[in-house]
Amino acid sequence: MLANAKRVYALATFTVELRDKGWFYWPTYGEMDEAKGPYSSMASVTLMIARELKREVTKRDGCT
């Protein structure tokens, strides 16, 4: 990999929904039955999405 190469990542987007039992999320183009949750707050669900995005960037970049 080039040391000074620009790194750009197109990341998957997520759909977030508040249901009776809490917050749920899933990949926008995935199946709703794959929803992860419930999470107690919007902060919790967005933290989980951030962790998934970090794993995706790490996987694509090959870094740790």
C-alpha atoms as a PDB file:
ATOM      1  CA  MET A   1       0.000   0.000   0.000  1.00  0.00           C
ATOM      2  CA  LEU A   2       1.252   3.481  -0.740  1.00  0.00           C
ATOM      3  CA  ALA A   3       2.115   5.374   2.438  1.00  0.00           C
ATOM      4  CA  ASN A   4       0.564   8.676   1.376  1.00  0.00           C
ATOM      5  CA  ALA A   5      -2.354   7.291  -0.654  1.00  0.00           C
ATOM      6  CA  LYS A   6      -5.735   8.805   0.098  1.00  0.00           C
ATOM      7  CA  ARG A   7      -8.084   6.339   1.774  1.00  0.00           C
ATOM      8  CA  VAL A   8     -11.786   6.671   1.015  1.00  0.00           C
ATOM      9  CA  TYR A   9     -14.417   4.178   2.132  1.00  0.00           C
ATOM     10  CA  ALA A  10     -18.000   3.927   0.927  1.00  0.00           C
ATOM     11  CA  LEU A  11     -19.704   2.424   3.951  1.00  0.00           C
ATOM     12  CA  ALA A  12     -22.990   0.595   4.215  1.00  0.00           C
ATOM     13  CA  THR A  13     -25.859   2.548   5.684  1.00  0.00           C
ATOM     14  CA  PHE A  14     -28.194   1.413   8.399  1.00  0.00           C
ATOM     15  CA  THR A  15     -31.869   1.811   9.160  1.00  0.00           C
ATOM     16  CA  VAL A  16     -32.774   2.576  12.772  1.00  0.00           C
ATOM     17  CA  GLU A  17     -36.252   2.146  14.238  1.00  0.00           C
ATOM     18  CA  LEU A  18     -37.760   2.784  17.661  1.00  0.00           C
ATOM     19  CA  ARG A  19     -40.136  -0.028  18.587  1.00  0.00           C
ATOM     20  CA  ASP A  20     -42.084  -0.767  21.752  1.00  0.00           C
ATOM     21  CA  LYS A  21     -39.162  -2.739  23.233  1.00  0.00           C
ATOM     22  CA  GLY A  22     -36.424  -0.248  22.275  1.00  0.00           C
ATOM     23  CA  TRP A  23     -34.162   0.754  19.380  1.00  0.00           C
ATOM     24  CA  PHE A  24     -33.330  -1.693  16.581  1.00  0.00           C
ATOM     25  CA  TYR A  25     -31.090  -1.395  13.523  1.00  0.00           C
ATOM     26  CA  TRP A  26     -30.234  -3.349  10.382  1.00  0.00           C
ATOM     27  CA  PRO A  27     -28.458  -2.727   7.068  1.00  0.00           C
ATOM     28  CA  THR A  28     -30.707  -0.529   4.919  1.00  0.00           C
ATOM     29  CA  TYR A  29     -30.599  -2.983   2.050  1.00  0.00           C
ATOM     30  CA  GLY A  30     -30.837  -6.028   4.301  1.00  0.00           C
ATOM     31  CA  GLU A  31     -33.802  -7.849   5.703  1.00  0.00           C
ATOM     32  CA  MET A  32     -35.763  -6.314   8.561  1.00  0.00           C
ATOM     33  CA  ASP A  33     -35.820  -9.707  10.296  1.00  0.00           C
ATOM     34  CA  GLU A  34     -32.024  -9.339  10.688  1.00  0.00           C
ATOM     35  CA  ALA A  35     -32.583  -6.376  13.022  1.00  0.00           C
ATOM     36  CA  LYS A  36     -30.246  -6.117  15.993  1.00  0.00           C
ATOM     37  CA  GLY A  37     -31.587  -4.887  19.287  1.00  0.00           C
ATOM     38  CA  PRO A  38     -33.270  -3.871  21.422  1.00  0.00           C
ATOM     39  CA  TYR A  39     -31.071  -1.030  22.649  1.00  0.00           C
ATOM     40  CA  SER A  40     -32.247   1.286  25.396  1.00  0.00           C
ATOM     41  CA  SER A  41     -31.232   4.576  23.805  1.00  0.00           C
ATOM     42  CA  MET A  42     -30.348   6.199  20.518  1.00  0.00           C
ATOM     43  CA  ALA A  43     -26.814   6.649  21.868  1.00  0.00           C
ATOM     44  CA  SER A  44     -26.494   2.888  22.403  1.00  0.00           C
ATOM     45  CA  VAL A  45     -27.695   1.976  18.937  1.00  0.00           C
ATOM     46  CA  THR A  46     -25.461   4.547  17.232  1.00  0.00           C
ATOM     47  CA  LEU A  47     -22.472   3.275  19.240  1.00  0.00           C
ATOM     48  CA  MET A  48     -23.138  -0.250  17.950  1.00  0.00           C
ATOM     49  CA  ILE A  49     -23.352   1.064  14.373  1.00  0.00           C
ATOM     50  CA  ALA A  50     -20.056   2.921  14.891  1.00  0.00           C
ATOM     51  CA  ARG A  51     -18.426  -0.319  16.058  1.00  0.00           C
ATOM     52  CA  GLU A  52     -19.667  -2.122  12.940  1.00  0.00           C
ATOM     53  CA  LEU A  53     -18.338   0.670  10.713  1.00  0.00           C
ATOM     54  CA  LYS A  54     -14.955   0.521  12.475  1.00  0.00           C
ATOM     55  CA  ARG A  55     -14.736  -3.232  11.839  1.00  0.00           C
ATOM     56  CA  GLU A  56     -15.580  -2.665   8.168  1.00  0.00           C
ATOM     57  CA  VAL A  57     -12.929   0.045   7.719  1.00  0.00           C
ATOM     58  CA  THR A  58     -10.337  -2.083   9.540  1.00  0.00           C
ATOM     59  CA  LYS A  59     -11.152  -5.072   7.345  1.00  0.00           C
ATOM     60  CA  ARG A  60     -10.930  -3.064   4.113  1.00  0.00           C
ATOM     61  CA  ASP A  61      -7.753  -1.212   5.127  1.00  0.00           C
ATOM     62  CA  GLY A  62      -5.983  -4.241   6.535  1.00  0.00           C
ATOM     63  CA  CYS A  63      -4.959  -2.296   9.642  1.00  0.00           C
ATOM     64  CA  THR A  64      -5.501  -3.102  13.296  1.00  0.00           C
END
